[in-house]
């Protein structure tokens, strides 16, 4: 069972749909503790709603759909 409510997880997911994020930036924009954002994103990854995306030098997090979109752009 999640320690975060669905509304909070949905707020995080909405931001993940916009672009890939570093955890500190995402926490700042959501006005949440980084530790909590990391836990929520990990839950979303386990649920298949979010994923990690690498620029080659930096690992970011985004929604599953955004990662697929970014990979498609990279392969063109």
C-alpha atoms as a PDB file:
ATOM      1  CA  UNK A   1       0.000   0.000   0.000  1.00  0.00           C
ATOM      2  CA  UNK A   2       1.200   3.465  -0.900  1.00  0.00           C
ATOM      3  CA  UNK A   3       1.940   6.075   1.737  1.00  0.00           C
ATOM      4  CA  UNK A   4       0.895   8.749  -0.794  1.00  0.00           C
ATOM      5  CA  UNK A   5      -2.652   9.412  -1.963  1.00  0.00           C
ATOM      6  CA  UNK A   6      -3.676   9.106  -5.610  1.00  0.00           C
ATOM      7  CA  UNK A   7      -4.101  12.884  -5.948  1.00  0.00           C
ATOM      8  CA  UNK A   8      -0.458  13.484  -5.001  1.00  0.00           C
ATOM      9  CA  UNK A   9       0.742  10.741  -7.332  1.00  0.00           C
ATOM     10  CA  UNK A  10      -1.377  12.235 -10.131  1.00  0.00           C
ATOM     11  CA  UNK A  11       0.245  15.671  -9.623  1.00  0.00           C
ATOM     12  CA  UNK A  12       3.680  14.090 -10.013  1.00  0.00           C
ATOM     13  CA  UNK A  13       2.574  12.117 -13.077  1.00  0.00           C
ATOM     14  CA  UNK A  14       1.199  15.274 -14.728  1.00  0.00           C
ATOM     15  CA  UNK A  15       4.646  16.874 -14.447  1.00  0.00           C
ATOM     16  CA  UNK A  16       6.301  13.716 -15.781  1.00  0.00           C
ATOM     17  CA  UNK A  17       4.100  13.957 -18.894  1.00  0.00           C
ATOM     18  CA  UNK A  18       5.512  17.420 -19.673  1.00  0.00           C
ATOM     19  CA  UNK A  19       9.232  16.593 -19.922  1.00  0.00           C
ATOM     20  CA  UNK A  20      11.996  14.448 -18.444  1.00  0.00           C
ATOM     21  CA  UNK A  21      13.081  15.725 -15.014  1.00  0.00           C
ATOM     22  CA  UNK A  22      15.950  15.489 -12.562  1.00  0.00           C
ATOM     23  CA  UNK A  23      14.611  14.717  -9.089  1.00  0.00           C
ATOM     24  CA  UNK A  24      15.685  18.040  -7.481  1.00  0.00           C
ATOM     25  CA  UNK A  25      13.980  20.090 -10.221  1.00  0.00           C
ATOM     26  CA  UNK A  26      10.806  18.024  -9.993  1.00  0.00           C
ATOM     27  CA  UNK A  27      10.686  18.360  -6.198  1.00  0.00           C
ATOM     28  CA  UNK A  28      11.159  22.126  -6.458  1.00  0.00           C
ATOM     29  CA  UNK A  29       8.375  22.639  -9.019  1.00  0.00           C
ATOM     30  CA  UNK A  30       6.003  20.451  -6.958  1.00  0.00           C
ATOM     31  CA  UNK A  31       7.047  22.113  -3.668  1.00  0.00           C
ATOM     32  CA  UNK A  32       7.701  18.690  -2.148  1.00  0.00           C
ATOM     33  CA  UNK A  33      10.624  17.008  -0.412  1.00  0.00           C
ATOM     34  CA  UNK A  34      12.974  15.284  -2.864  1.00  0.00           C
ATOM     35  CA  UNK A  35      12.810  12.105  -0.761  1.00  0.00           C
ATOM     36  CA  UNK A  36       9.016  11.954  -1.198  1.00  0.00           C
ATOM     37  CA  UNK A  37       9.222  12.651  -4.929  1.00  0.00           C
ATOM     38  CA  UNK A  38      11.732   9.810  -5.334  1.00  0.00           C
ATOM     39  CA  UNK A  39       9.378   7.422  -3.489  1.00  0.00           C
ATOM     40  CA  UNK A  40       6.360   8.480  -5.572  1.00  0.00           C
ATOM     41  CA  UNK A  41       8.260   8.172  -8.858  1.00  0.00           C
ATOM     42  CA  UNK A  42       9.503   4.724  -7.824  1.00  0.00           C
ATOM     43  CA  UNK A  43       5.893   3.667  -7.167  1.00  0.00           C
ATOM     44  CA  UNK A  44       4.875   5.034 -10.579  1.00  0.00           C
ATOM     45  CA  UNK A  45       7.732   3.102 -12.220  1.00  0.00           C
ATOM     46  CA  UNK A  46       6.608  -0.090 -10.464  1.00  0.00           C
ATOM     47  CA  UNK A  47       3.056   0.566 -11.732  1.00  0.00           C
ATOM     48  CA  UNK A  48       4.392   1.006 -15.287  1.00  0.00           C
ATOM     49  CA  UNK A  49       3.360   4.673 -15.481  1.00  0.00           C
ATOM     50  CA  UNK A  50       6.848   6.235 -15.364  1.00  0.00           C
ATOM     51  CA  UNK A  51      10.357   5.305 -16.473  1.00  0.00           C
ATOM     52  CA  UNK A  52      13.965   6.388 -16.391  1.00  0.00           C
ATOM     53  CA  UNK A  53      15.414   8.085 -19.484  1.00  0.00           C
ATOM     54  CA  UNK A  54      19.100   8.701 -20.106  1.00  0.00           C
ATOM     55  CA  UNK A  55      20.598  11.538 -22.136  1.00  0.00           C
ATOM     56  CA  UNK A  56      23.843   9.618 -22.219  1.00  0.00           C
ATOM     57  CA  UNK A  57      25.325  11.466 -19.277  1.00  0.00           C
ATOM     58  CA  UNK A  58      22.305  12.174 -17.080  1.00  0.00           C
ATOM     59  CA  UNK A  59      19.462   9.925 -15.942  1.00  0.00           C
ATOM     60  CA  UNK A  60      16.071  11.619 -15.838  1.00  0.00           C
ATOM     61  CA  UNK A  61      12.541  10.477 -15.006  1.00  0.00           C
ATOM     62  CA  UNK A  62       9.435  10.950 -17.137  1.00  0.00           C
ATOM     63  CA  UNK A  63       6.104   9.333 -17.885  1.00  0.00           C
ATOM     64  CA  UNK A  64       6.272   6.102 -19.879  1.00  0.00           C
ATOM     65  CA  UNK A  65       4.680   7.880 -22.855  1.00  0.00           C
ATOM     66  CA  UNK A  66       7.181  10.758 -22.728  1.00  0.00           C
ATOM     67  CA  UNK A  67      10.112   8.316 -22.629  1.00  0.00           C
ATOM     68  CA  UNK A  68       8.747   6.514 -25.699  1.00  0.00           C
ATOM     69  CA  UNK A  69       8.327   9.877 -27.470  1.00  0.00           C
ATOM     70  CA  UNK A  70      11.898  10.935 -26.593  1.00  0.00           C
ATOM     71  CA  UNK A  71      13.327   7.593 -27.779  1.00  0.00           C
ATOM     72  CA  UNK A  72      11.442   7.937 -31.069  1.00  0.00           C
ATOM     73  CA  UNK A  73      12.879  11.439 -31.583  1.00  0.00           C
ATOM     74  CA  UNK A  74      16.377  10.215 -30.741  1.00  0.00           C
ATOM     75  CA  UNK A  75      16.174   7.401 -33.308  1.00  0.00           C
ATOM     76  CA  UNK A  76      15.149   9.703 -36.185  1.00  0.00           C
END
